[in-house]
Protein backbone atom coordinates (compact mmCIF):
# COMPACT_ATOMS: atom_id res chain seq x y z
CA UNK A 1 -16.16 215.26 117.97
CA UNK A 2 -14.97 213.15 114.67
CA UNK A 3 -18.03 211.59 113.38
CA UNK A 4 -19.47 215.28 114.20
CA UNK A 5 -16.76 216.77 112.12
CA UNK A 6 -17.48 214.46 109.30
CA UNK A 7 -20.97 214.69 108.84
CA UNK A 8 -20.63 218.88 108.95
CA UNK A 9 -18.35 218.04 106.16
CA UNK A 10 -20.79 215.72 104.66
CA UNK A 11 -18.41 212.96 103.97
CA UNK A 12 -19.23 209.23 103.65
CA UNK A 13 -18.72 206.85 106.55
CA UNK A 14 -15.64 205.32 104.70
CA UNK A 15 -14.35 209.26 103.83
CA UNK A 16 -14.80 210.53 107.43
CA UNK A 17 -12.47 206.96 108.72
CA UNK A 18 -9.68 207.64 106.14
CA UNK A 19 -9.59 211.18 106.12
CA UNK A 20 -10.69 212.20 110.37
CA UNK A 21 -10.84 209.06 112.64
CA UNK A 22 -7.57 207.11 111.27
CA UNK A 23 -5.21 210.58 110.96
CA UNK A 24 -6.59 211.13 114.66
CA UNK A 25 -5.88 207.66 115.84
CA UNK A 26 -2.30 206.87 114.28
CA UNK A 27 -0.80 208.77 117.08
CA UNK A 28 -1.73 205.99 119.64
CA UNK A 29 -1.74 203.26 117.43
CA UNK A 30 2.05 203.63 116.95
CA UNK A 31 2.77 204.49 120.68
CA UNK A 32 0.64 201.04 121.37
CA UNK A 33 2.75 199.52 118.62
CA UNK A 34 6.38 200.70 120.40
CA UNK A 35 4.90 199.16 123.56
CA UNK A 36 4.28 195.87 122.03
CA UNK A 37 7.57 195.50 120.58
CA UNK A 38 9.19 195.69 123.63
CA UNK A 39 6.96 193.05 125.04
CA UNK A 40 6.89 190.84 122.32
CA UNK A 41 11.04 190.96 122.47
CA UNK A 42 11.06 190.55 126.12
CA UNK A 43 8.65 187.70 125.42
CA UNK A 44 10.13 186.00 122.76
CA UNK A 45 13.30 186.06 124.60
CA UNK A 46 12.10 184.31 127.78
CA UNK A 47 10.19 181.76 125.37
CA UNK A 48 13.21 180.96 123.78
CA UNK A 49 15.48 181.06 127.13
CA UNK A 50 13.18 178.26 128.88
CA UNK A 51 11.36 176.29 125.98
CA UNK A 52 13.52 176.45 122.78
CA UNK A 53 16.65 174.52 121.60
CA UNK A 54 17.13 177.12 118.99
CA UNK A 55 17.43 181.37 119.11
CA UNK A 56 18.99 184.36 120.62
CA UNK A 57 17.54 183.06 123.84
CA UNK A 58 18.91 179.52 123.67
CA UNK A 59 22.13 180.85 122.75
CA UNK A 60 22.38 183.27 125.87
CA UNK A 61 21.13 180.53 128.36
CA UNK A 62 23.76 178.42 127.34
CA UNK A 63 26.15 181.32 127.51
CA UNK A 64 25.23 181.29 131.11
CA UNK A 65 25.52 177.41 131.67
CA UNK A 66 29.29 177.62 130.21
CA UNK A 67 30.26 180.80 131.81
CA UNK A 68 31.17 182.10 127.95
CA UNK A 69 31.09 185.85 128.54
CA UNK A 70 32.29 186.93 125.19
CA UNK A 71 29.04 185.10 123.75
CA UNK A 72 26.76 186.75 126.79
CA UNK A 73 28.11 190.39 126.04
CA UNK A 74 27.46 189.75 122.28
CA UNK A 75 24.23 188.59 122.54
CA UNK A 76 22.80 191.00 125.33
CA UNK A 77 25.03 194.03 122.69
CA UNK A 78 22.69 192.38 119.54
CA UNK A 79 19.68 192.78 121.29
CA UNK A 80 20.07 196.09 122.89
CA UNK A 81 21.13 197.39 119.16
CA UNK A 82 17.90 195.54 117.63
CA UNK A 83 15.83 196.88 120.32
CA UNK A 84 16.93 200.56 120.52
CA UNK A 85 16.60 200.89 116.62
CA UNK A 86 13.52 199.65 116.21
CA UNK A 87 12.57 201.97 118.69
CA UNK A 88 14.01 204.82 117.27
CA UNK A 89 12.45 204.29 113.98
CA UNK A 90 9.27 203.88 115.88
CA UNK A 91 9.91 207.21 118.32
CA UNK A 92 10.54 209.29 114.72
CA UNK A 93 7.41 207.85 113.15
CA UNK A 94 5.62 208.87 116.17
CA UNK A 95 6.78 212.54 116.35
CA UNK A 96 5.85 212.92 112.95
CA UNK A 97 2.39 211.86 113.31
CA UNK A 98 2.04 213.63 116.45
CA UNK A 99 3.55 217.26 114.59
CA UNK A 100 1.03 216.65 112.39
CA UNK A 101 -2.12 215.85 114.52
């Protein structure tokens, strides 16, 4: 349907991609980035927890081993704030793109 629209408007393939296909696909791309971000954050944290000598995951494991609740809660709060902030920004972008579509 999108390719046909480009032909009806007599757009070149590049112009059709820029003006029709990309704007139509952007909401789905941003939704994929949102999902990918959360999975990447979890994967990175798990990797740091079990295979690293630095990073928030390593700090979290060390605090858990030492029963240091203040550090555990601080790192957890930092991760939650970071994840929620990035998710809120991506959600706002997603809503804006879907409103235009």
